[in-house]
Amino acid sequence: MTTRERAIMVPANECYIAIAPRPPGRVTRTVAAYAVEGQLPRPLEGLCLAWRVAGDRLVVVAVDRERADAWLADGVLSARVPSLPDALPDALRVEAKPIELLGHAFLPTKIRRHRNLRLAAVAVLLAIGCLIGAMGLQVRARELTIQAREADAAMDELARQAIPKWRDGLAPQLALTGELRRLRGLADTGRGDEPADSRDALAALFRAWPQGEAWRVESVESAGGRVTLRALAPSREAAIALAGTLAEHGAFDAGLPRVRSEAQRDGEITRVELTLTRTGGGP
């Protein structure tokens, strides 16, 4: 055997071999060393060892630390035990694959440096990939921000076109929601801005207006098919009679008038508020 080669073969009969029951769990160098500590001729600190699992047994192969240090100093990169079956009992079957002795703390510097460089290269590639991904996300976020601003501007423009009386400073969503509620309210109540409905209600009121009585109109408000009359009536009975006359028209609902009496300096007056609402049909 020569130590001037980069890889050497170490015969099994030149090694310490120990066999112990396989410890539970994952087998590491420390676990393997302490499992066979009593079978080795030297303390664990003075040995370079490797191991192999054979069924329910643990096979440990070791050489003196000084010998391993000499190999490393001579530039040896690999020291393998080619075959163990010849050195073991016949009942114990171990894989014939060679066992590498130079590992862990005895790993050659060149191999350790190569592995470190490889890990560093992988880390650099990962860092570059993360940087590229972050830049891509930043660009994508900027594009989404621009698209969101354009969408907001388009929404504002559509809202202004749909709602001519839109107040400045009001969010378009609120403006559109308010307009939608207003239109739904008009549709649900059946009220519109058609002057024909108001004229029909006013015509019905004029036809039922009492003749020869001292009524004094204060205000008349009309909206859609509804007319609200506020007046001074000659008496409470006259106000109720007017509501009854309006109720005879099947197309309108007069309801009961709101009547209250007030004392004045020149006598008592009767104030009346009467609402006439279109219900359908003809006047």
C-alpha atoms as a PDB file:
ATOM      1  CA  MET A   1       0.000   0.000   0.000  1.00  0.00           C
ATOM      2  CA  THR A   2       1.319   3.451  -0.910  1.00  0.00           C
ATOM      3  CA  THR A   3       0.223   6.758   0.538  1.00  0.00           C
ATOM      4  CA  ARG A   4       1.314   8.743  -2.503  1.00  0.00           C
ATOM      5  CA  GLU A   5      -1.891   7.859  -4.384  1.00  0.00           C
ATOM      6  CA  ARG A   6      -4.945  10.057  -4.222  1.00  0.00           C
ATOM      7  CA  ALA A   7      -7.122   7.059  -3.330  1.00  0.00           C
ATOM      8  CA  ILE A   8      -5.886   4.096  -1.310  1.00  0.00           C
ATOM      9  CA  MET A   9      -7.312   0.729  -0.302  1.00  0.00           C
ATOM     10  CA  VAL A  10      -6.936  -0.383   3.331  1.00  0.00           C
ATOM     11  CA  PRO A  11      -7.188  -4.137   3.991  1.00  0.00           C
ATOM     12  CA  ALA A  12      -9.736  -5.148   6.622  1.00  0.00           C
ATOM     13  CA  ASN A  13      -7.092  -7.004   8.647  1.00  0.00           C
ATOM     14  CA  GLU A  14      -5.289  -3.674   9.212  1.00  0.00           C
ATOM     15  CA  CYS A  15      -8.366  -2.109  10.843  1.00  0.00           C
ATOM     16  CA  TYR A  16     -10.179  -2.430  14.160  1.00  0.00           C
ATOM     17  CA  ILE A  17     -13.565  -4.098  13.627  1.00  0.00           C
ATOM     18  CA  ALA A  18     -16.357  -4.099  16.229  1.00  0.00           C
ATOM     19  CA  ILE A  19     -19.910  -5.478  16.057  1.00  0.00           C
ATOM     20  CA  ALA A  20     -22.798  -4.354  18.285  1.00  0.00           C
ATOM     21  CA  PRO A  21     -26.616  -4.404  18.229  1.00  0.00           C
ATOM     22  CA  ARG A  22     -27.995  -1.657  16.010  1.00  0.00           C
ATOM     23  CA  PRO A  23     -29.042   1.326  18.161  1.00  0.00           C
ATOM     24  CA  PRO A  24     -32.578   2.615  17.659  1.00  0.00           C
ATOM     25  CA  GLY A  25     -33.159   5.712  15.569  1.00  0.00           C
ATOM     26  CA  ARG A  26     -30.740   7.429  13.235  1.00  0.00           C
ATOM     27  CA  VAL A  27     -27.158   6.191  13.404  1.00  0.00           C
ATOM     28  CA  THR A  28     -24.547   8.976  13.512  1.00  0.00           C
ATOM     29  CA  ARG A  29     -20.797   8.891  14.123  1.00  0.00           C
ATOM     30  CA  THR A  30     -21.272   9.596  17.822  1.00  0.00           C
ATOM     31  CA  VAL A  31     -23.984   6.919  18.181  1.00  0.00           C
ATOM     32  CA  ALA A  32     -21.891   4.345  16.342  1.00  0.00           C
ATOM     33  CA  ALA A  33     -18.761   5.182  18.361  1.00  0.00           C
ATOM     34  CA  TYR A  34     -20.419   4.845  21.747  1.00  0.00           C
ATOM     35  CA  ALA A  35     -22.244   1.661  20.686  1.00  0.00           C
ATOM     36  CA  VAL A  36     -18.911  -0.189  20.286  1.00  0.00           C
ATOM     37  CA  GLU A  37     -16.748   1.849  22.666  1.00  0.00           C
ATOM     38  CA  GLY A  38     -15.965  -1.100  24.929  1.00  0.00           C
ATOM     39  CA  GLN A  39     -14.783  -3.278  22.003  1.00  0.00           C
ATOM     40  CA  LEU A  40     -12.181  -0.847  20.631  1.00  0.00           C
ATOM     41  CA  PRO A  41      -8.593  -0.920  21.944  1.00  0.00           C
ATOM     42  CA  ARG A  42      -8.173   2.858  22.059  1.00  0.00           C
ATOM     43  CA  PRO A  43     -10.265   5.798  23.269  1.00  0.00           C
ATOM     44  CA  LEU A  44     -12.690   7.198  20.738  1.00  0.00           C
ATOM     45  CA  GLU A  45     -10.728  10.469  20.500  1.00  0.00           C
ATOM     46  CA  GLY A  46      -7.751   8.573  19.064  1.00  0.00           C
ATOM     47  CA  LEU A  47      -9.632   6.743  16.311  1.00  0.00           C
ATOM     48  CA  CYS A  48     -10.861   7.452  12.799  1.00  0.00           C
ATOM     49  CA  LEU A  49     -13.911   5.273  12.250  1.00  0.00           C
ATOM     50  CA  ALA A  50     -16.731   4.460   9.840  1.00  0.00           C
ATOM     51  CA  TRP A  51     -19.724   2.127  10.151  1.00  0.00           C
ATOM     52  CA  ARG A  52     -22.246   0.070   8.253  1.00  0.00           C
ATOM     53  CA  VAL A  53     -25.607  -1.385   9.277  1.00  0.00           C
ATOM     54  CA  ALA A  54     -26.131  -5.101   8.671  1.00  0.00           C
ATOM     55  CA  GLY A  55     -29.686  -6.050   9.557  1.00  0.00           C
ATOM     56  CA  ASP A  56     -30.033  -5.677  13.328  1.00  0.00           C
ATOM     57  CA  ARG A  57     -26.265  -5.299  13.774  1.00  0.00           C
ATOM     58  CA  LEU A  58     -23.902  -2.357  13.585  1.00  0.00           C
ATOM     59  CA  VAL A  59     -20.424  -2.964  12.142  1.00  0.00           C
ATOM     60  CA  VAL A  60     -17.769  -0.333  12.984  1.00  0.00           C
ATOM     61  CA  VAL A  61     -14.396  -0.136  11.208  1.00  0.00           C
ATOM     62  CA  ALA A  62     -11.646   2.065  12.694  1.00  0.00           C
ATOM     63  CA  VAL A  63      -7.956   2.969  12.305  1.00  0.00           C
ATOM     64  CA  ASP A  64      -5.624   4.976  14.498  1.00  0.00           C
ATOM     65  CA  ARG A  65      -5.991   8.736  14.263  1.00  0.00           C
ATOM     66  CA  GLU A  66      -2.259   9.159  13.615  1.00  0.00           C
ATOM     67  CA  ARG A  67      -2.551   6.926  10.574  1.00  0.00           C
ATOM     68  CA  ALA A  68      -5.476   8.912   9.179  1.00  0.00           C
ATOM     69  CA  ASP A  69      -3.631  12.200   9.815  1.00  0.00           C
ATOM     70  CA  ALA A  70      -0.629  10.855   7.889  1.00  0.00           C
ATOM     71  CA  TRP A  71      -2.847   9.995   4.931  1.00  0.00           C
ATOM     72  CA  LEU A  72      -4.316  13.485   4.919  1.00  0.00           C
ATOM     73  CA  ALA A  73      -0.882  15.090   5.182  1.00  0.00           C
ATOM     74  CA  ASP A  74       0.255  13.054   2.178  1.00  0.00           C
ATOM     75  CA  GLY A  75      -2.666  14.327   0.056  1.00  0.00           C
ATOM     76  CA  VAL A  76      -4.808  11.173   0.190  1.00  0.00           C
ATOM     77  CA  LEU A  77      -8.424  11.966  -0.741  1.00  0.00           C
ATOM     78  CA  SER A  78      -9.973   8.542  -0.156  1.00  0.00           C
ATOM     79  CA  ALA A  79      -9.113   5.599   2.097  1.00  0.00           C
ATOM     80  CA  ARG A  80     -11.469   2.657   1.555  1.00  0.00           C
ATOM     81  CA  VAL A  81     -11.820  -0.771   3.089  1.00  0.00           C
ATOM     82  CA  PRO A  82     -12.679  -2.859   0.014  1.00  0.00           C
ATOM     83  CA  SER A  83     -14.334  -5.865   1.610  1.00  0.00           C
ATOM     84  CA  LEU A  84     -15.579  -6.797   5.074  1.00  0.00           C
ATOM     85  CA  PRO A  85     -17.274 -10.209   4.704  1.00  0.00           C
ATOM     86  CA  ASP A  86     -13.955 -12.066   5.063  1.00  0.00           C
ATOM     87  CA  ALA A  87     -13.351 -10.447   8.462  1.00  0.00           C
ATOM     88  CA  LEU A  88     -16.871 -11.061   9.829  1.00  0.00           C
ATOM     89  CA  PRO A  89     -18.727 -14.143  11.102  1.00  0.00           C
ATOM     90  CA  ASP A  90     -20.422 -16.232   8.424  1.00  0.00           C
ATOM     91  CA  ALA A  91     -23.882 -15.515   9.868  1.00  0.00           C
ATOM     92  CA  LEU A  92     -23.439 -11.767   9.452  1.00  0.00           C
ATOM     93  CA  ARG A  93     -23.989 -10.590   5.903  1.00  0.00           C
ATOM     94  CA  VAL A  94     -22.719  -7.117   5.039  1.00  0.00           C
ATOM     95  CA  GLU A  95     -22.949  -5.325   1.713  1.00  0.00           C
ATOM     96  CA  ALA A  96     -19.731  -5.827  -0.258  1.00  0.00           C
ATOM     97  CA  LYS A  97     -19.539  -2.129  -1.157  1.00  0.00           C
ATOM     98  CA  PRO A  98     -16.266  -0.515   0.105  1.00  0.00           C
ATOM     99  CA  ILE A  99     -16.389   1.564   3.313  1.00  0.00           C
ATOM    100  CA  GLU A 100     -14.892   5.065   3.242  1.00  0.00           C
ATOM    101  CA  LEU A 101     -12.785   5.827   6.320  1.00  0.00           C
ATOM    102  CA  LEU A 102     -12.011   9.504   5.600  1.00  0.00           C
ATOM    103  CA  GLY A 103     -15.149  11.314   6.586  1.00  0.00           C
ATOM    104  CA  HIS A 104     -16.594  13.743   9.109  1.00  0.00           C
ATOM    105  CA  ALA A 105     -13.645  15.317  11.012  1.00  0.00           C
ATOM    106  CA  PHE A 106     -11.156  13.488   8.739  1.00  0.00           C
ATOM    107  CA  LEU A 107     -12.698  14.674   5.490  1.00  0.00           C
ATOM    108  CA  PRO A 108      -9.834  15.868   3.227  1.00  0.00           C
ATOM    109  CA  THR A 109      -9.492  19.624   2.938  1.00  0.00           C
ATOM    110  CA  LYS A 110      -9.762  19.562  -0.858  1.00  0.00           C
ATOM    111  CA  ILE A 111     -13.067  17.694  -0.736  1.00  0.00           C
ATOM    112  CA  ARG A 112     -14.331  19.910   2.091  1.00  0.00           C
ATOM    113  CA  ARG A 113     -13.405  23.025   0.083  1.00  0.00           C
ATOM    114  CA  HIS A 114     -15.066  21.608  -3.018  1.00  0.00           C
ATOM    115  CA  ARG A 115     -18.276  20.912  -1.087  1.00  0.00           C
ATOM    116  CA  ASN A 116     -18.217  24.358   0.488  1.00  0.00           C
ATOM    117  CA  LEU A 117     -17.752  25.972  -2.919  1.00  0.00           C
ATOM    118  CA  ARG A 118     -20.595  23.909  -4.305  1.00  0.00           C
ATOM    119  CA  LEU A 119     -22.867  24.942  -1.431  1.00  0.00           C
ATOM    120  CA  ALA A 120     -21.791  28.556  -1.875  1.00  0.00           C
ATOM    121  CA  ALA A 121     -22.568  28.361  -5.598  1.00  0.00           C
ATOM    122  CA  VAL A 122     -26.012  26.950  -4.862  1.00  0.00           C
ATOM    123  CA  ALA A 123     -26.602  29.716  -2.295  1.00  0.00           C
ATOM    124  CA  VAL A 124     -25.520  32.360  -4.818  1.00  0.00           C
ATOM    125  CA  LEU A 125     -27.833  30.905  -7.461  1.00  0.00           C
ATOM    126  CA  LEU A 126     -30.706  30.877  -4.974  1.00  0.00           C
ATOM    127  CA  ALA A 127     -29.962  34.472  -4.016  1.00  0.00           C
ATOM    128  CA  ILE A 128     -29.884  35.525  -7.673  1.00  0.00           C
ATOM    129  CA  GLY A 129     -33.134  33.690  -8.314  1.00  0.00           C
ATOM    130  CA  CYS A 130     -34.782  35.374  -5.311  1.00  0.00           C
ATOM    131  CA  LEU A 131     -33.489  38.766  -6.501  1.00  0.00           C
ATOM    132  CA  ILE A 132     -34.857  38.215 -10.003  1.00  0.00           C
ATOM    133  CA  GLY A 133     -38.166  37.052  -8.542  1.00  0.00           C
ATOM    134  CA  ALA A 134     -38.359  40.105  -6.278  1.00  0.00           C
ATOM    135  CA  MET A 135     -37.633  42.419  -9.206  1.00  0.00           C
ATOM    136  CA  GLY A 136     -40.315  40.687 -11.250  1.00  0.00           C
ATOM    137  CA  LEU A 137     -42.823  41.058  -8.402  1.00  0.00           C
ATOM    138  CA  GLN A 138     -41.924  44.729  -8.063  1.00  0.00           C
ATOM    139  CA  VAL A 139     -42.478  45.322 -11.777  1.00  0.00           C
ATOM    140  CA  ARG A 140     -45.742  43.401 -11.628  1.00  0.00           C
ATOM    141  CA  ALA A 141     -46.882  45.386  -8.591  1.00  0.00           C
ATOM    142  CA  ARG A 142     -46.074  48.649 -10.395  1.00  0.00           C
ATOM    143  CA  GLU A 143     -48.091  47.524 -13.438  1.00  0.00           C
ATOM    144  CA  LEU A 144     -51.032  46.535 -11.241  1.00  0.00           C
ATOM    145  CA  THR A 145     -50.909  49.908  -9.495  1.00  0.00           C
ATOM    146  CA  ILE A 146     -51.024  51.713 -12.844  1.00  0.00           C
ATOM    147  CA  GLN A 147     -53.908  49.524 -14.007  1.00  0.00           C
ATOM    148  CA  ALA A 148     -55.789  50.188 -10.765  1.00  0.00           C
ATOM    149  CA  ARG A 149     -55.365  53.953 -11.205  1.00  0.00           C
ATOM    150  CA  GLU A 150     -56.563  53.751 -14.814  1.00  0.00           C
ATOM    151  CA  ALA A 151     -59.561  51.689 -13.702  1.00  0.00           C
ATOM    152  CA  ASP A 152     -60.411  54.260 -11.012  1.00  0.00           C
ATOM    153  CA  ALA A 153     -60.165  57.074 -13.568  1.00  0.00           C
ATOM    154  CA  ALA A 154     -62.397  55.152 -15.999  1.00  0.00           C
ATOM    155  CA  MET A 155     -64.899  54.501 -13.212  1.00  0.00           C
ATOM    156  CA  ASP A 156     -64.955  58.193 -12.319  1.00  0.00           C
ATOM    157  CA  GLU A 157     -65.576  59.121 -15.950  1.00  0.00           C
ATOM    158  CA  LEU A 158     -68.403  56.586 -16.303  1.00  0.00           C
ATOM    159  CA  ALA A 159     -69.952  57.823 -13.068  1.00  0.00           C
ATOM    160  CA  ARG A 160     -69.852  61.420 -14.309  1.00  0.00           C
ATOM    161  CA  GLN A 161     -71.512  60.381 -17.568  1.00  0.00           C
ATOM    162  CA  ALA A 162     -74.190  58.363 -15.772  1.00  0.00           C
ATOM    163  CA  ILE A 163     -74.855  60.927 -13.013  1.00  0.00           C
ATOM    164  CA  PRO A 164     -74.759  64.495 -14.379  1.00  0.00           C
ATOM    165  CA  LYS A 165     -75.343  65.993 -10.894  1.00  0.00           C
ATOM    166  CA  TRP A 166     -72.584  64.006  -9.234  1.00  0.00           C
ATOM    167  CA  ARG A 167     -70.929  65.989  -6.463  1.00  0.00           C
ATOM    168  CA  ASP A 168     -67.157  66.398  -6.637  1.00  0.00           C
ATOM    169  CA  GLY A 169     -65.334  64.562  -3.892  1.00  0.00           C
ATOM    170  CA  LEU A 170     -67.956  61.794  -3.639  1.00  0.00           C
ATOM    171  CA  ALA A 171     -66.646  58.300  -4.351  1.00  0.00           C
ATOM    172  CA  PRO A 172     -68.081  56.906  -7.614  1.00  0.00           C
ATOM    173  CA  GLN A 173     -69.244  53.754  -5.853  1.00  0.00           C
ATOM    174  CA  LEU A 174     -71.262  55.811  -3.370  1.00  0.00           C
ATOM    175  CA  ALA A 175     -72.614  58.062  -6.116  1.00  0.00           C
ATOM    176  CA  LEU A 176     -73.748  55.107  -8.231  1.00  0.00           C
ATOM    177  CA  THR A 177     -75.199  53.330  -5.192  1.00  0.00           C
ATOM    178  CA  GLY A 178     -77.158  56.439  -4.221  1.00  0.00           C
ATOM    179  CA  GLU A 179     -78.495  56.904  -7.740  1.00  0.00           C
ATOM    180  CA  LEU A 180     -79.494  53.233  -7.915  1.00  0.00           C
ATOM    181  CA  ARG A 181     -81.354  53.489  -4.614  1.00  0.00           C
ATOM    182  CA  ARG A 182     -83.147  56.619  -5.799  1.00  0.00           C
ATOM    183  CA  LEU A 183     -84.282  54.947  -9.019  1.00  0.00           C
ATOM    184  CA  ARG A 184     -85.383  51.822  -7.153  1.00  0.00           C
ATOM    185  CA  GLY A 185     -87.323  53.948  -4.712  1.00  0.00           C
ATOM    186  CA  LEU A 186     -89.132  55.665  -7.552  1.00  0.00           C
ATOM    187  CA  ALA A 187     -89.909  52.310  -9.156  1.00  0.00           C
ATOM    188  CA  ASP A 188     -91.137  50.748  -5.884  1.00  0.00           C
ATOM    189  CA  THR A 189     -93.448  53.603  -4.945  1.00  0.00           C
ATOM    190  CA  GLY A 190     -94.687  54.072  -8.485  1.00  0.00           C
ATOM    191  CA  ARG A 191     -93.886  57.764  -8.314  1.00  0.00           C
ATOM    192  CA  GLY A 192     -92.483  59.536 -11.343  1.00  0.00           C
ATOM    193  CA  ASP A 193     -92.044  63.044 -12.538  1.00  0.00           C
ATOM    194  CA  GLU A 194     -94.789  62.801 -15.135  1.00  0.00           C
ATOM    195  CA  PRO A 195     -96.944  65.969 -14.957  1.00  0.00           C
ATOM    196  CA  ALA A 196    -100.004  64.096 -16.290  1.00  0.00           C
ATOM    197  CA  ASP A 197    -100.458  62.219 -12.999  1.00  0.00           C
ATOM    198  CA  SER A 198    -100.370  65.441 -10.988  1.00  0.00           C
ATOM    199  CA  ARG A 199    -102.877  67.084 -13.300  1.00  0.00           C
ATOM    200  CA  ASP A 200    -105.259  64.152 -12.888  1.00  0.00           C
ATOM    201  CA  ALA A 201    -105.078  64.425  -9.088  1.00  0.00           C
ATOM    202  CA  LEU A 202    -105.551  68.199  -9.191  1.00  0.00           C
ATOM    203  CA  ALA A 203    -108.500  67.802 -11.567  1.00  0.00           C
ATOM    204  CA  ALA A 204    -110.141  65.357  -9.154  1.00  0.00           C
ATOM    205  CA  LEU A 205    -109.604  67.810  -6.304  1.00  0.00           C
ATOM    206  CA  PHE A 206    -111.140  70.692  -8.270  1.00  0.00           C
ATOM    207  CA  ARG A 207    -114.162  68.607  -9.265  1.00  0.00           C
ATOM    208  CA  ALA A 208    -114.859  67.727  -5.626  1.00  0.00           C
ATOM    209  CA  TRP A 209    -114.202  71.254  -4.317  1.00  0.00           C
ATOM    210  CA  PRO A 210    -117.201  72.452  -2.261  1.00  0.00           C
ATOM    211  CA  GLN A 211    -119.163  75.377  -3.627  1.00  0.00           C
ATOM    212  CA  GLY A 212    -120.446  78.226  -1.528  1.00  0.00           C
ATOM    213  CA  GLU A 213    -118.338  77.402   1.550  1.00  0.00           C
ATOM    214  CA  ALA A 214    -115.659  79.621   3.107  1.00  0.00           C
ATOM    215  CA  TRP A 215    -112.542  77.596   2.322  1.00  0.00           C
ATOM    216  CA  ARG A 216    -109.196  79.380   2.149  1.00  0.00           C
ATOM    217  CA  VAL A 217    -106.294  77.547   0.495  1.00  0.00           C
ATOM    218  CA  GLU A 218    -102.853  78.051   2.055  1.00  0.00           C
ATOM    219  CA  SER A 219    -100.755  75.733  -0.180  1.00  0.00           C
ATOM    220  CA  VAL A 220    -101.067  72.963  -2.763  1.00  0.00           C
ATOM    221  CA  GLU A 221     -98.100  70.611  -3.363  1.00  0.00           C
ATOM    222  CA  SER A 222     -98.077  68.025  -6.147  1.00  0.00           C
ATOM    223  CA  ALA A 223     -95.510  65.312  -6.929  1.00  0.00           C
ATOM    224  CA  GLY A 224     -96.232  62.495  -9.326  1.00  0.00           C
ATOM    225  CA  GLY A 225     -99.669  61.120  -8.548  1.00  0.00           C
ATOM    226  CA  ARG A 226     -99.911  62.770  -5.115  1.00  0.00           C
ATOM    227  CA  VAL A 227    -101.440  66.136  -4.153  1.00  0.00           C
ATOM    228  CA  THR A 228    -101.210  67.619  -0.646  1.00  0.00           C
ATOM    229  CA  LEU A 229    -103.663  70.387   0.274  1.00  0.00           C
ATOM    230  CA  ARG A 230    -103.277  72.708   3.272  1.00  0.00           C
ATOM    231  CA  ALA A 231    -106.219  75.034   3.872  1.00  0.00           C
ATOM    232  CA  LEU A 232    -108.470  76.754   6.403  1.00  0.00           C
ATOM    233  CA  ALA A 233    -111.844  74.976   6.494  1.00  0.00           C
ATOM    234  CA  PRO A 234    -115.129  76.435   7.705  1.00  0.00           C
ATOM    235  CA  SER A 235    -115.504  73.463  10.092  1.00  0.00           C
ATOM    236  CA  ARG A 236    -114.214  69.982  10.942  1.00  0.00           C
ATOM    237  CA  GLU A 237    -117.329  68.463   9.352  1.00  0.00           C
ATOM    238  CA  ALA A 238    -116.638  70.272   6.066  1.00  0.00           C
ATOM    239  CA  ALA A 239    -113.112  68.834   5.948  1.00  0.00           C
ATOM    240  CA  ILE A 240    -114.344  65.283   6.514  1.00  0.00           C
ATOM    241  CA  ALA A 241    -117.046  65.777   3.893  1.00  0.00           C
ATOM    242  CA  LEU A 242    -114.433  66.887   1.327  1.00  0.00           C
ATOM    243  CA  ALA A 243    -112.352  63.749   2.026  1.00  0.00           C
ATOM    244  CA  GLY A 244    -115.426  61.592   1.587  1.00  0.00           C
ATOM    245  CA  THR A 245    -116.256  63.208  -1.736  1.00  0.00           C
ATOM    246  CA  LEU A 246    -112.697  62.595  -3.011  1.00  0.00           C
ATOM    247  CA  ALA A 247    -112.834  58.973  -1.857  1.00  0.00           C
ATOM    248  CA  GLU A 248    -115.758  58.375  -4.212  1.00  0.00           C
ATOM    249  CA  HIS A 249    -113.309  58.589  -7.127  1.00  0.00           C
ATOM    250  CA  GLY A 250    -111.965  55.046  -7.556  1.00  0.00           C
ATOM    251  CA  ALA A 251    -108.592  56.180  -8.931  1.00  0.00           C
ATOM    252  CA  PHE A 252    -107.560  58.141  -5.796  1.00  0.00           C
ATOM    253  CA  ASP A 253    -107.177  57.559  -2.080  1.00  0.00           C
ATOM    254  CA  ALA A 254    -107.906  60.586   0.090  1.00  0.00           C
ATOM    255  CA  GLY A 255    -107.770  58.990   3.512  1.00  0.00           C
ATOM    256  CA  LEU A 256    -108.746  60.870   6.656  1.00  0.00           C
ATOM    257  CA  PRO A 257    -107.720  64.545   6.752  1.00  0.00           C
ATOM    258  CA  ARG A 258    -105.563  65.946   9.536  1.00  0.00           C
ATOM    259  CA  VAL A 259    -107.712  68.544  11.260  1.00  0.00           C
ATOM    260  CA  ARG A 260    -106.812  70.810  14.170  1.00  0.00           C
ATOM    261  CA  SER A 261    -108.564  73.777  15.656  1.00  0.00           C
ATOM    262  CA  GLU A 262    -106.723  76.953  16.674  1.00  0.00           C
ATOM    263  CA  ALA A 263    -108.005  79.858  18.702  1.00  0.00           C
ATOM    264  CA  GLN A 264    -107.461  83.244  17.056  1.00  0.00           C
ATOM    265  CA  ARG A 265    -108.136  86.772  18.295  1.00  0.00           C
ATOM    266  CA  ASP A 266    -111.163  87.048  16.017  1.00  0.00           C
ATOM    267  CA  GLY A 267    -112.432  83.533  16.734  1.00  0.00           C
ATOM    268  CA  GLU A 268    -111.556  79.853  16.239  1.00  0.00           C
ATOM    269  CA  ILE A 269    -110.159  78.533  12.914  1.00  0.00           C
ATOM    270  CA  THR A 270    -109.863  74.972  11.560  1.00  0.00           C
ATOM    271  CA  ARG A 271    -106.665  73.961   9.754  1.00  0.00           C
ATOM    272  CA  VAL A 272    -106.828  70.983   7.382  1.00  0.00           C
ATOM    273  CA  GLU A 273    -104.099  68.917   5.698  1.00  0.00           C
ATOM    274  CA  LEU A 274    -105.406  66.449   3.100  1.00  0.00           C
ATOM    275  CA  THR A 275    -103.361  64.143   0.850  1.00  0.00           C
ATOM    276  CA  LEU A 276    -104.815  62.749  -2.371  1.00  0.00           C
ATOM    277  CA  THR A 277    -102.875  59.758  -3.837  1.00  0.00           C
ATOM    278  CA  ARG A 278    -103.406  58.070  -7.192  1.00  0.00           C
ATOM    279  CA  THR A 279    -104.123  54.351  -6.780  1.00  0.00           C
ATOM    280  CA  GLY A 280    -104.829  53.285 -10.397  1.00  0.00           C
ATOM    281  CA  GLY A 281    -107.749  53.210 -12.837  1.00  0.00           C
ATOM    282  CA  GLY A 282    -109.351  56.315 -14.292  1.00  0.00           C
ATOM    283  CA  PRO A 283    -110.409  59.478 -12.500  1.00  0.00           C
END
